[in-house]
Amino acid sequence: MWSDESSFQLHHADGRVRIWRKQHESMHPTCMSTTLQADGGSVMVLGMFSWHDLGPLIHVEQRLNSTTYLSIVADQVHPIMLMAYPNGDGFFQQDNVPCHGARIVQEWFQEHEGDFTLLRWPPQSPDLNPIEHLWDEVKRAIRQLVPQPSNLTELDSAIHQAWCQIPCILSTSRGVNARKNHRSIEGKRWPNEVLMGWL
């Protein structure tokens, strides 16, 4: 089961606005742009998918730290893994965000290693996770919405709708891209033979 968190901003902007004006019009209202603090807010979700199907999106309501992440894993990810892999033969992937590697989180995974296997993940390898392609699909779908979400509730709803509309065949086909990226920056082969055996 691949997993990853992604943050979606309500009003995304790079801060660059170009206008044509005369020298004395620098303070004219039509030559000024208003801004929103923190781009109007954002929504963070944790998504999962396997070779067989898309998993649910889990809304991250608080700042993601080791305590919050442990709560998500124990209360929501764990039941999903038990249901998807009742024989305990499933693999769960997470990247190397600091809260994922926290001692309390790692201890929890060790206590539940009989339920599923935590996939060893190489450092500095975000491009190896095929779920990144699914986030691209979701963000593309949201950019195409007319009108755009006007508040965080609408944005959250749009994220979930876009996620549910991703075809299953798309999610299962994206993993082939990881084969092209199985070498690290140093040119060494990624030693995760379990994953490479799947691809």
N, C-alpha and C. Protein backbone atom coordinates (compact mmCIF):
# COMPACT_ATOMS: atom_id res chain seq x y z
N MET A 1 0.86 -1.18 0.00
CA MET A 1 0.00 0.00 0.00
C MET A 1 0.90 1.24 0.00
N TRP A 2 0.80 2.02 -1.07
CA TRP A 2 1.57 3.26 -1.16
C TRP A 2 0.85 4.35 -0.37
N SER A 3 1.60 5.24 0.26
CA SER A 3 0.97 6.32 1.02
C SER A 3 1.79 7.59 0.89
N ASP A 4 1.11 8.71 1.11
CA ASP A 4 1.80 10.00 1.07
C ASP A 4 0.83 11.08 1.52
N GLU A 5 1.37 12.15 2.09
CA GLU A 5 0.56 13.31 2.43
C GLU A 5 0.73 14.37 1.35
N SER A 6 -0.32 15.15 1.14
CA SER A 6 -0.25 16.25 0.19
C SER A 6 -1.08 17.41 0.71
N SER A 7 -0.57 18.63 0.50
CA SER A 7 -1.26 19.84 0.94
C SER A 7 -1.79 20.59 -0.27
N PHE A 8 -3.02 21.06 -0.17
CA PHE A 8 -3.67 21.79 -1.25
C PHE A 8 -4.02 23.19 -0.75
N GLN A 9 -3.53 24.21 -1.42
CA GLN A 9 -3.80 25.59 -1.04
C GLN A 9 -5.10 26.07 -1.68
N LEU A 10 -5.84 26.88 -0.92
CA LEU A 10 -7.10 27.41 -1.44
C LEU A 10 -6.86 28.35 -2.60
N HIS A 11 -5.92 29.27 -2.44
CA HIS A 11 -5.59 30.22 -3.51
C HIS A 11 -4.10 30.13 -3.76
N HIS A 12 -3.73 29.37 -4.75
CA HIS A 12 -2.31 29.19 -5.03
C HIS A 12 -1.81 30.33 -5.92
N ALA A 13 -0.70 30.92 -5.51
CA ALA A 13 -0.08 31.98 -6.31
C ALA A 13 1.41 31.98 -6.03
N ASP A 14 2.19 32.33 -7.05
CA ASP A 14 3.64 32.37 -6.86
C ASP A 14 4.14 33.74 -6.43
N GLY A 15 3.21 34.70 -6.24
CA GLY A 15 3.59 36.02 -5.76
C GLY A 15 4.02 36.99 -6.85
N ARG A 16 4.06 36.54 -8.09
CA ARG A 16 4.50 37.42 -9.18
C ARG A 16 3.29 37.88 -9.99
N VAL A 17 3.11 39.19 -10.09
CA VAL A 17 2.03 39.78 -10.87
C VAL A 17 2.63 40.86 -11.75
N ARG A 18 2.35 40.82 -13.04
CA ARG A 18 2.88 41.82 -13.97
C ARG A 18 1.75 42.73 -14.45
N ILE A 19 2.03 44.02 -14.42
CA ILE A 19 1.05 45.00 -14.90
C ILE A 19 1.77 46.04 -15.75
N TRP A 20 0.98 46.72 -16.59
CA TRP A 20 1.49 47.87 -17.35
C TRP A 20 0.90 49.11 -16.72
N ARG A 21 1.77 50.04 -16.34
CA ARG A 21 1.29 51.28 -15.72
C ARG A 21 2.24 52.42 -16.09
N LYS A 22 1.72 53.62 -15.89
CA LYS A 22 2.55 54.81 -16.06
C LYS A 22 3.32 55.07 -14.76
N GLN A 23 4.33 55.89 -14.84
CA GLN A 23 5.22 56.10 -13.70
C GLN A 23 4.48 56.63 -12.47
N HIS A 24 3.48 57.48 -12.67
CA HIS A 24 2.79 58.08 -11.54
C HIS A 24 1.63 57.22 -11.03
N GLU A 25 1.41 56.02 -11.58
CA GLU A 25 0.27 55.19 -11.22
C GLU A 25 0.62 54.05 -10.25
N SER A 26 1.75 54.13 -9.60
CA SER A 26 2.18 53.02 -8.76
C SER A 26 1.22 52.70 -7.61
N MET A 27 0.50 53.72 -7.10
CA MET A 27 -0.42 53.50 -5.99
C MET A 27 -1.88 53.52 -6.42
N HIS A 28 -2.12 53.49 -7.72
CA HIS A 28 -3.50 53.47 -8.21
C HIS A 28 -4.13 52.12 -7.88
N PRO A 29 -5.39 52.11 -7.41
CA PRO A 29 -6.04 50.83 -7.03
C PRO A 29 -6.01 49.77 -8.13
N THR A 30 -6.11 50.19 -9.39
CA THR A 30 -6.12 49.21 -10.47
C THR A 30 -4.74 48.61 -10.72
N CYS A 31 -3.72 49.18 -10.12
CA CYS A 31 -2.35 48.68 -10.29
C CYS A 31 -1.85 47.94 -9.06
N MET A 32 -2.76 47.65 -8.15
CA MET A 32 -2.37 46.96 -6.92
C MET A 32 -3.10 45.63 -6.83
N SER A 33 -2.47 44.68 -6.18
CA SER A 33 -3.05 43.35 -6.04
C SER A 33 -3.20 43.02 -4.57
N THR A 34 -4.39 42.56 -4.18
CA THR A 34 -4.62 42.17 -2.79
C THR A 34 -4.07 40.76 -2.56
N THR A 35 -3.71 40.49 -1.33
CA THR A 35 -3.20 39.17 -0.98
C THR A 35 -3.96 38.62 0.21
N LEU A 36 -3.95 37.30 0.33
CA LEU A 36 -4.57 36.63 1.45
C LEU A 36 -3.49 35.99 2.31
N GLN A 37 -3.65 36.09 3.62
CA GLN A 37 -2.67 35.49 4.51
C GLN A 37 -2.66 33.98 4.32
N ALA A 38 -1.47 33.42 4.12
CA ALA A 38 -1.28 31.98 3.92
C ALA A 38 -2.09 31.48 2.73
N ASP A 39 -2.27 32.34 1.71
CA ASP A 39 -3.01 31.97 0.50
C ASP A 39 -4.42 31.47 0.82
N GLY A 40 -5.03 31.97 1.89
CA GLY A 40 -6.39 31.60 2.21
C GLY A 40 -6.53 30.31 2.98
N GLY A 41 -5.42 29.68 3.30
CA GLY A 41 -5.48 28.42 4.04
C GLY A 41 -5.22 27.23 3.13
N SER A 42 -5.16 26.07 3.72
CA SER A 42 -4.88 24.86 2.95
C SER A 42 -5.53 23.66 3.60
N VAL A 43 -5.61 22.59 2.83
CA VAL A 43 -6.15 21.31 3.30
C VAL A 43 -5.08 20.25 3.09
N MET A 44 -4.78 19.50 4.13
CA MET A 44 -3.81 18.40 4.01
C MET A 44 -4.53 17.07 4.13
N VAL A 45 -4.18 16.15 3.26
CA VAL A 45 -4.76 14.81 3.29
C VAL A 45 -3.66 13.77 3.16
N LEU A 46 -3.93 12.59 3.67
CA LEU A 46 -3.07 11.44 3.46
C LEU A 46 -3.81 10.48 2.55
N GLY A 47 -3.17 10.10 1.46
CA GLY A 47 -3.79 9.19 0.51
C GLY A 47 -3.06 7.87 0.46
N MET A 48 -3.77 6.83 0.07
CA MET A 48 -3.18 5.50 -0.08
C MET A 48 -3.75 4.82 -1.31
N PHE A 49 -2.95 3.98 -1.93
CA PHE A 49 -3.48 3.12 -2.98
C PHE A 49 -2.61 1.89 -3.11
N SER A 50 -3.21 0.82 -3.61
CA SER A 50 -2.49 -0.42 -3.84
C SER A 50 -2.58 -0.75 -5.32
N TRP A 51 -2.01 -1.87 -5.69
CA TRP A 51 -2.09 -2.30 -7.09
C TRP A 51 -3.52 -2.65 -7.46
N HIS A 52 -4.38 -2.88 -6.47
CA HIS A 52 -5.74 -3.33 -6.73
C HIS A 52 -6.77 -2.21 -6.73
N ASP A 53 -6.56 -1.19 -5.92
CA ASP A 53 -7.62 -0.19 -5.78
C ASP A 53 -7.08 1.06 -5.08
N LEU A 54 -7.85 2.13 -5.20
CA LEU A 54 -7.55 3.35 -4.45
C LEU A 54 -8.01 3.17 -3.01
N GLY A 55 -7.24 3.69 -2.09
CA GLY A 55 -7.66 3.72 -0.70
C GLY A 55 -8.37 5.03 -0.41
N PRO A 56 -8.86 5.20 0.79
CA PRO A 56 -9.54 6.45 1.14
C PRO A 56 -8.55 7.58 1.37
N LEU A 57 -9.05 8.80 1.29
CA LEU A 57 -8.27 9.96 1.69
C LEU A 57 -8.54 10.23 3.17
N ILE A 58 -7.50 10.45 3.92
CA ILE A 58 -7.62 10.73 5.34
C ILE A 58 -7.30 12.20 5.58
N HIS A 59 -8.26 12.92 6.11
CA HIS A 59 -8.08 14.35 6.36
C HIS A 59 -7.16 14.55 7.56
N VAL A 60 -6.12 15.34 7.39
CA VAL A 60 -5.19 15.66 8.47
C VAL A 60 -5.61 17.00 9.06
N GLU A 61 -6.26 16.96 10.20
CA GLU A 61 -6.86 18.16 10.76
C GLU A 61 -5.87 19.01 11.54
N GLN A 62 -4.85 18.40 12.08
CA GLN A 62 -3.88 19.13 12.88
C GLN A 62 -2.54 19.16 12.16
N ARG A 63 -1.62 19.94 12.72
CA ARG A 63 -0.27 19.96 12.18
C ARG A 63 0.32 18.55 12.28
N LEU A 64 0.93 18.10 11.20
CA LEU A 64 1.43 16.73 11.16
C LEU A 64 2.74 16.62 11.94
N ASN A 65 2.67 15.96 13.08
CA ASN A 65 3.86 15.64 13.85
C ASN A 65 3.80 14.16 14.21
N SER A 66 4.73 13.69 15.00
CA SER A 66 4.79 12.26 15.28
C SER A 66 3.54 11.77 16.01
N THR A 67 3.00 12.58 16.92
CA THR A 67 1.80 12.17 17.65
C THR A 67 0.59 12.10 16.74
N THR A 68 0.42 13.12 15.89
CA THR A 68 -0.69 13.12 14.95
C THR A 68 -0.58 11.96 13.97
N TYR A 69 0.62 11.74 13.45
CA TYR A 69 0.81 10.67 12.47
C TYR A 69 0.57 9.30 13.11
N LEU A 70 1.04 9.10 14.33
CA LEU A 70 0.80 7.83 15.01
C LEU A 70 -0.68 7.58 15.19
N SER A 71 -1.43 8.62 15.52
CA SER A 71 -2.88 8.48 15.67
C SER A 71 -3.53 8.07 14.36
N ILE A 72 -3.09 8.67 13.25
CA ILE A 72 -3.63 8.32 11.94
C ILE A 72 -3.31 6.88 11.58
N VAL A 73 -2.06 6.48 11.81
CA VAL A 73 -1.65 5.11 11.48
C VAL A 73 -2.41 4.09 12.31
N ALA A 74 -2.48 4.33 13.62
CA ALA A 74 -3.11 3.36 14.52
C ALA A 74 -4.62 3.29 14.34
N ASP A 75 -5.27 4.44 14.16
CA ASP A 75 -6.73 4.48 14.14
C ASP A 75 -7.34 4.29 12.76
N GLN A 76 -6.59 4.63 11.70
CA GLN A 76 -7.18 4.58 10.37
C GLN A 76 -6.42 3.71 9.38
N VAL A 77 -5.09 3.85 9.33
CA VAL A 77 -4.31 3.05 8.39
C VAL A 77 -4.33 1.58 8.78
N HIS A 78 -4.14 1.29 10.06
CA HIS A 78 -4.08 -0.09 10.53
C HIS A 78 -5.34 -0.89 10.17
N PRO A 79 -6.55 -0.39 10.46
CA PRO A 79 -7.75 -1.15 10.06
C PRO A 79 -7.84 -1.38 8.56
N ILE A 80 -7.41 -0.39 7.77
CA ILE A 80 -7.45 -0.54 6.31
C ILE A 80 -6.51 -1.65 5.87
N MET A 81 -5.31 -1.69 6.45
CA MET A 81 -4.35 -2.74 6.10
C MET A 81 -4.86 -4.12 6.51
N LEU A 82 -5.50 -4.23 7.67
CA LEU A 82 -6.04 -5.51 8.11
C LEU A 82 -7.15 -5.98 7.19
N MET A 83 -7.96 -5.05 6.71
CA MET A 83 -9.05 -5.42 5.82
C MET A 83 -8.53 -5.80 4.43
N ALA A 84 -7.54 -5.05 3.94
CA ALA A 84 -7.01 -5.31 2.60
C ALA A 84 -6.11 -6.54 2.56
N TYR A 85 -5.41 -6.79 3.66
CA TYR A 85 -4.46 -7.92 3.70
C TYR A 85 -4.70 -8.73 4.98
N PRO A 86 -5.80 -9.48 5.04
CA PRO A 86 -6.13 -10.22 6.27
C PRO A 86 -5.12 -11.29 6.63
N ASN A 87 -4.31 -11.73 5.67
CA ASN A 87 -3.31 -12.76 5.95
C ASN A 87 -1.98 -12.18 6.44
N GLY A 88 -1.92 -10.85 6.57
CA GLY A 88 -0.70 -10.22 7.05
C GLY A 88 0.41 -10.16 6.03
N ASP A 89 0.07 -10.33 4.74
CA ASP A 89 1.09 -10.35 3.70
C ASP A 89 1.20 -9.03 2.94
N GLY A 90 0.63 -7.98 3.48
CA GLY A 90 0.68 -6.68 2.82
C GLY A 90 1.93 -5.89 3.17
N PHE A 91 2.27 -4.95 2.30
CA PHE A 91 3.39 -4.04 2.54
C PHE A 91 2.84 -2.62 2.63
N PHE A 92 3.34 -1.86 3.58
CA PHE A 92 2.94 -0.46 3.72
C PHE A 92 4.15 0.41 3.47
N GLN A 93 3.99 1.38 2.57
CA GLN A 93 5.07 2.29 2.21
C GLN A 93 4.80 3.66 2.80
N GLN A 94 5.83 4.27 3.35
CA GLN A 94 5.79 5.66 3.78
C GLN A 94 7.15 6.27 3.47
N ASP A 95 7.18 7.57 3.24
CA ASP A 95 8.47 8.20 2.93
C ASP A 95 9.21 8.52 4.23
N ASN A 96 10.29 9.27 4.10
CA ASN A 96 11.16 9.51 5.25
C ASN A 96 10.95 10.88 5.90
N VAL A 97 9.72 11.38 5.88
CA VAL A 97 9.41 12.60 6.62
C VAL A 97 9.76 12.36 8.10
N PRO A 98 10.33 13.34 8.78
CA PRO A 98 10.77 13.13 10.17
C PRO A 98 9.73 12.50 11.09
N CYS A 99 8.48 12.91 10.98
CA CYS A 99 7.47 12.35 11.88
C CYS A 99 7.24 10.86 11.61
N HIS A 100 7.52 10.39 10.39
CA HIS A 100 7.37 8.97 10.08
C HIS A 100 8.44 8.14 10.77
N GLY A 101 9.61 8.74 10.93
CA GLY A 101 10.72 8.01 11.54
C GLY A 101 10.86 8.21 13.03
N ALA A 102 9.90 8.89 13.64
CA ALA A 102 9.96 9.13 15.08
C ALA A 102 9.95 7.82 15.85
N ARG A 103 10.57 7.82 17.01
CA ARG A 103 10.71 6.58 17.78
C ARG A 103 9.37 5.97 18.14
N ILE A 104 8.40 6.80 18.56
CA ILE A 104 7.10 6.24 18.95
C ILE A 104 6.38 5.61 17.77
N VAL A 105 6.60 6.16 16.57
CA VAL A 105 5.98 5.60 15.37
C VAL A 105 6.65 4.29 15.00
N GLN A 106 7.98 4.27 15.01
CA GLN A 106 8.71 3.05 14.68
C GLN A 106 8.42 1.93 15.67
N GLU A 107 8.28 2.27 16.94
CA GLU A 107 7.96 1.26 17.95
C GLU A 107 6.58 0.67 17.69
N TRP A 108 5.64 1.51 17.24
CA TRP A 108 4.30 1.00 16.94
C TRP A 108 4.37 0.01 15.78
N PHE A 109 5.11 0.34 14.73
CA PHE A 109 5.24 -0.57 13.60
C PHE A 109 5.89 -1.89 14.02
N GLN A 110 6.86 -1.83 14.91
CA GLN A 110 7.50 -3.05 15.38
C GLN A 110 6.53 -3.92 16.17
N GLU A 111 5.66 -3.29 16.95
CA GLU A 111 4.67 -4.04 17.72
C GLU A 111 3.63 -4.71 16.84
N HIS A 112 3.42 -4.17 15.63
CA HIS A 112 2.39 -4.70 14.73
C HIS A 112 2.98 -5.30 13.46
N GLU A 113 4.24 -5.73 13.53
CA GLU A 113 4.90 -6.25 12.33
C GLU A 113 4.27 -7.54 11.84
N GLY A 114 3.50 -8.22 12.66
CA GLY A 114 2.80 -9.42 12.21
C GLY A 114 1.59 -9.12 11.35
N ASP A 115 1.11 -7.88 11.40
CA ASP A 115 -0.09 -7.51 10.63
C ASP A 115 0.25 -7.11 9.20
N PHE A 116 1.40 -6.50 9.00
CA PHE A 116 1.87 -6.13 7.67
C PHE A 116 3.34 -5.74 7.78
N THR A 117 4.00 -5.60 6.64
CA THR A 117 5.42 -5.27 6.62
C THR A 117 5.62 -3.82 6.23
N LEU A 118 6.42 -3.11 6.99
CA LEU A 118 6.77 -1.73 6.65
C LEU A 118 7.88 -1.76 5.62
N LEU A 119 7.62 -1.21 4.45
CA LEU A 119 8.57 -1.25 3.35
C LEU A 119 9.73 -0.29 3.62
N ARG A 120 10.94 -0.81 3.52
CA ARG A 120 12.12 0.05 3.70
C ARG A 120 12.21 1.02 2.54
N TRP A 121 12.41 2.29 2.84
CA TRP A 121 12.36 3.34 1.82
C TRP A 121 13.68 4.11 1.80
N PRO A 122 14.29 4.28 0.63
CA PRO A 122 15.58 4.97 0.56
C PRO A 122 15.42 6.46 0.82
N PRO A 123 16.44 7.11 1.37
CA PRO A 123 16.35 8.55 1.65
C PRO A 123 16.36 9.38 0.38
N GLN A 124 15.70 10.54 0.45
CA GLN A 124 15.71 11.52 -0.64
C GLN A 124 15.24 10.91 -1.96
N SER A 125 14.14 10.16 -1.91
CA SER A 125 13.65 9.51 -3.13
C SER A 125 12.16 9.73 -3.34
N PRO A 126 11.68 10.99 -3.30
CA PRO A 126 10.24 11.22 -3.49
C PRO A 126 9.75 10.82 -4.87
N ASP A 127 10.66 10.81 -5.87
CA ASP A 127 10.25 10.48 -7.22
C ASP A 127 9.94 9.00 -7.39
N LEU A 128 10.31 8.17 -6.43
CA LEU A 128 10.06 6.74 -6.54
C LEU A 128 8.64 6.36 -6.18
N ASN A 129 7.91 7.24 -5.53
CA ASN A 129 6.56 6.92 -5.08
C ASN A 129 5.55 7.23 -6.17
N PRO A 130 4.89 6.21 -6.74
CA PRO A 130 3.94 6.46 -7.83
C PRO A 130 2.72 7.26 -7.41
N ILE A 131 2.47 7.41 -6.12
CA ILE A 131 1.31 8.20 -5.70
C ILE A 131 1.47 9.67 -6.06
N GLU A 132 2.72 10.11 -6.31
CA GLU A 132 2.93 11.49 -6.72
C GLU A 132 2.19 11.79 -8.02
N HIS A 133 2.09 10.80 -8.89
CA HIS A 133 1.35 10.99 -10.14
C HIS A 133 -0.15 11.16 -9.88
N LEU A 134 -0.65 10.50 -8.86
CA LEU A 134 -2.06 10.65 -8.52
C LEU A 134 -2.34 12.03 -7.95
N TRP A 135 -1.40 12.54 -7.15
CA TRP A 135 -1.57 13.91 -6.65
C TRP A 135 -1.60 14.89 -7.82
N ASP A 136 -0.78 14.66 -8.83
CA ASP A 136 -0.80 15.52 -10.02
C ASP A 136 -2.16 15.50 -10.68
N GLU A 137 -2.77 14.32 -10.77
CA GLU A 137 -4.10 14.20 -11.38
C GLU A 137 -5.14 14.97 -10.57
N VAL A 138 -5.07 14.86 -9.25
CA VAL A 138 -6.03 15.55 -8.39
C VAL A 138 -5.87 17.06 -8.52
N LYS A 139 -4.64 17.55 -8.48
CA LYS A 139 -4.40 18.99 -8.57
C LYS A 139 -4.78 19.53 -9.95
N ARG A 140 -4.58 18.73 -10.98
CA ARG A 140 -4.98 19.15 -12.32
C ARG A 140 -6.50 19.27 -12.41
N ALA A 141 -7.20 18.31 -11.82
CA ALA A 141 -8.67 18.35 -11.84
C ALA A 141 -9.20 19.56 -11.09
N ILE A 142 -8.56 19.91 -9.97
CA ILE A 142 -9.01 21.07 -9.19
C ILE A 142 -8.74 22.36 -9.94
N ARG A 143 -7.61 22.45 -10.62
CA ARG A 143 -7.30 23.66 -11.40
C ARG A 143 -8.32 23.90 -12.51
N GLN A 144 -8.92 22.83 -13.00
CA GLN A 144 -9.87 22.95 -14.11
C GLN A 144 -11.29 23.26 -13.66
N LEU A 145 -11.52 23.30 -12.35
CA LEU A 145 -12.87 23.57 -11.85
C LEU A 145 -13.29 25.00 -12.12
N VAL A 146 -14.53 25.17 -12.56
CA VAL A 146 -15.13 26.49 -12.76
C VAL A 146 -16.52 26.45 -12.15
N PRO A 147 -16.75 27.25 -11.11
CA PRO A 147 -15.80 28.15 -10.44
C PRO A 147 -14.85 27.38 -9.53
N GLN A 148 -13.79 28.05 -9.11
CA GLN A 148 -12.83 27.46 -8.20
C GLN A 148 -13.42 27.41 -6.78
N PRO A 149 -12.97 26.47 -5.95
CA PRO A 149 -13.44 26.43 -4.55
C PRO A 149 -13.19 27.77 -3.87
N SER A 150 -14.18 28.25 -3.13
CA SER A 150 -14.08 29.56 -2.50
C SER A 150 -13.77 29.49 -1.02
N ASN A 151 -13.80 28.30 -0.43
CA ASN A 151 -13.46 28.15 0.98
C ASN A 151 -12.87 26.75 1.19
N LEU A 152 -12.38 26.50 2.39
CA LEU A 152 -11.70 25.24 2.66
C LEU A 152 -12.63 24.04 2.62
N THR A 153 -13.90 24.24 2.97
CA THR A 153 -14.87 23.14 2.89
C THR A 153 -15.07 22.71 1.45
N GLU A 154 -15.22 23.68 0.55
CA GLU A 154 -15.38 23.36 -0.86
C GLU A 154 -14.11 22.74 -1.43
N LEU A 155 -12.96 23.22 -0.99
CA LEU A 155 -11.70 22.65 -1.45
C LEU A 155 -11.56 21.20 -1.01
N ASP A 156 -11.90 20.92 0.24
CA ASP A 156 -11.83 19.55 0.75
C ASP A 156 -12.75 18.63 -0.04
N SER A 157 -13.95 19.10 -0.34
CA SER A 157 -14.89 18.31 -1.13
C SER A 157 -14.37 18.06 -2.53
N ALA A 158 -13.76 19.10 -3.14
CA ALA A 158 -13.22 18.96 -4.49
C ALA A 158 -12.06 17.96 -4.52
N ILE A 159 -11.24 17.96 -3.49
CA ILE A 159 -10.12 17.02 -3.41
C ILE A 159 -10.64 15.59 -3.38
N HIS A 160 -11.64 15.34 -2.53
CA HIS A 160 -12.18 13.99 -2.42
C HIS A 160 -12.88 13.55 -3.70
N GLN A 161 -13.59 14.46 -4.35
CA GLN A 161 -14.26 14.10 -5.60
C GLN A 161 -13.24 13.77 -6.68
N ALA A 162 -12.19 14.57 -6.78
CA ALA A 162 -11.16 14.32 -7.79
C ALA A 162 -10.45 13.00 -7.51
N TRP A 163 -10.21 12.69 -6.24
CA TRP A 163 -9.54 11.44 -5.89
C TRP A 163 -10.40 10.24 -6.28
N CYS A 164 -11.69 10.33 -6.01
CA CYS A 164 -12.59 9.21 -6.31
C CYS A 164 -12.78 9.01 -7.81
N GLN A 165 -12.50 10.03 -8.61
CA GLN A 165 -12.67 9.93 -10.05
C GLN A 165 -11.44 9.38 -10.76
N ILE A 166 -10.35 9.16 -10.02
CA ILE A 166 -9.16 8.58 -10.64
C ILE A 166 -9.46 7.14 -11.01
N PRO A 167 -9.35 6.79 -12.27
CA PRO A 167 -9.64 5.40 -12.67
C PRO A 167 -8.68 4.43 -12.00
N CYS A 168 -9.18 3.27 -11.65
CA CYS A 168 -8.34 2.25 -11.01
C CYS A 168 -7.18 1.86 -11.92
N ILE A 169 -7.44 1.81 -13.21
CA ILE A 169 -6.38 1.41 -14.14
C ILE A 169 -5.24 2.42 -14.13
N LEU A 170 -5.57 3.69 -13.87
CA LEU A 170 -4.53 4.72 -13.80
C LEU A 170 -3.65 4.48 -12.59
N SER A 171 -4.25 4.19 -11.45
CA SER A 171 -3.47 4.00 -10.23
C SER A 171 -2.57 2.78 -10.33
N THR A 172 -3.01 1.74 -11.02
CA THR A 172 -2.20 0.53 -11.10
C THR A 172 -1.13 0.64 -12.16
N SER A 173 -1.30 1.53 -13.11
CA SER A 173 -0.30 1.64 -14.18
C SER A 173 0.82 2.60 -13.84
N ARG A 174 0.63 3.49 -12.86
CA ARG A 174 1.63 4.50 -12.56
C ARG A 174 2.90 3.90 -11.98
N GLY A 175 2.80 2.74 -11.34
CA GLY A 175 3.96 2.17 -10.69
C GLY A 175 5.09 1.82 -11.62
N VAL A 176 4.82 1.67 -12.91
CA VAL A 176 5.89 1.29 -13.83
C VAL A 176 6.95 2.38 -13.90
N ASN A 177 6.59 3.62 -13.58
CA ASN A 177 7.57 4.69 -13.63
C ASN A 177 8.67 4.52 -12.59
N ALA A 178 8.37 3.79 -11.52
CA ALA A 178 9.38 3.60 -10.48
C ALA A 178 10.55 2.77 -11.00
N ARG A 179 10.29 1.90 -12.01
CA ARG A 179 11.37 1.09 -12.56
C ARG A 179 12.45 1.99 -13.16
N LYS A 180 12.02 3.10 -13.78
CA LYS A 180 12.97 4.01 -14.41
C LYS A 180 13.79 4.78 -13.38
N ASN A 181 13.28 4.83 -12.15
CA ASN A 181 13.92 5.65 -11.13
C ASN A 181 14.57 4.83 -10.02
N HIS A 182 14.90 3.58 -10.30
CA HIS A 182 15.38 2.72 -9.23
C HIS A 182 16.84 2.93 -8.90
N ARG A 183 17.49 3.90 -9.55
CA ARG A 183 18.86 4.23 -9.19
C ARG A 183 18.87 5.54 -8.40
N SER A 184 19.69 5.59 -7.40
CA SER A 184 19.76 6.79 -6.56
C SER A 184 20.58 7.86 -7.24
N ILE A 185 20.70 9.02 -6.57
CA ILE A 185 21.46 10.13 -7.13
C ILE A 185 22.91 9.72 -7.37
N GLU A 186 23.43 8.86 -6.51
CA GLU A 186 24.83 8.43 -6.64
C GLU A 186 24.99 7.37 -7.72
N GLY A 187 23.91 6.93 -8.33
CA GLY A 187 23.99 5.94 -9.39
C GLY A 187 23.99 4.51 -8.89
N LYS A 188 23.74 4.33 -7.59
CA LYS A 188 23.73 2.99 -7.04
C LYS A 188 22.33 2.39 -7.15
N ARG A 189 22.29 1.08 -7.29
CA ARG A 189 21.00 0.41 -7.40
C ARG A 189 20.26 0.48 -6.08
N TRP A 190 18.96 0.75 -6.17
CA TRP A 190 18.13 0.77 -4.97
C TRP A 190 18.03 -0.65 -4.44
N PRO A 191 18.40 -0.90 -3.19
CA PRO A 191 18.50 -2.27 -2.69
C PRO A 191 17.18 -2.90 -2.29
N ASN A 192 16.05 -2.28 -2.57
CA ASN A 192 14.78 -2.84 -2.14
C ASN A 192 14.31 -3.87 -3.15
N GLU A 193 14.73 -5.10 -2.99
CA GLU A 193 14.40 -6.15 -3.94
C GLU A 193 12.93 -6.52 -3.90
N VAL A 194 12.26 -6.28 -2.75
CA VAL A 194 10.84 -6.60 -2.67
C VAL A 194 10.05 -5.78 -3.67
N LEU A 195 10.28 -4.46 -3.65
CA LEU A 195 9.56 -3.59 -4.58
C LEU A 195 9.96 -3.86 -6.02
N MET A 196 11.27 -4.01 -6.26
CA MET A 196 11.72 -4.21 -7.63
C MET A 196 11.18 -5.52 -8.20
N GLY A 197 10.86 -6.46 -7.33
CA GLY A 197 10.25 -7.70 -7.80
C GLY A 197 8.83 -7.51 -8.27
N TRP A 198 8.17 -6.46 -7.78
CA TRP A 198 6.80 -6.18 -8.20
C TRP A 198 6.76 -5.52 -9.56
N LEU A 199 7.82 -4.76 -9.90
CA LEU A 199 7.78 -3.91 -11.09
C LEU A 199 8.30 -4.62 -12.32
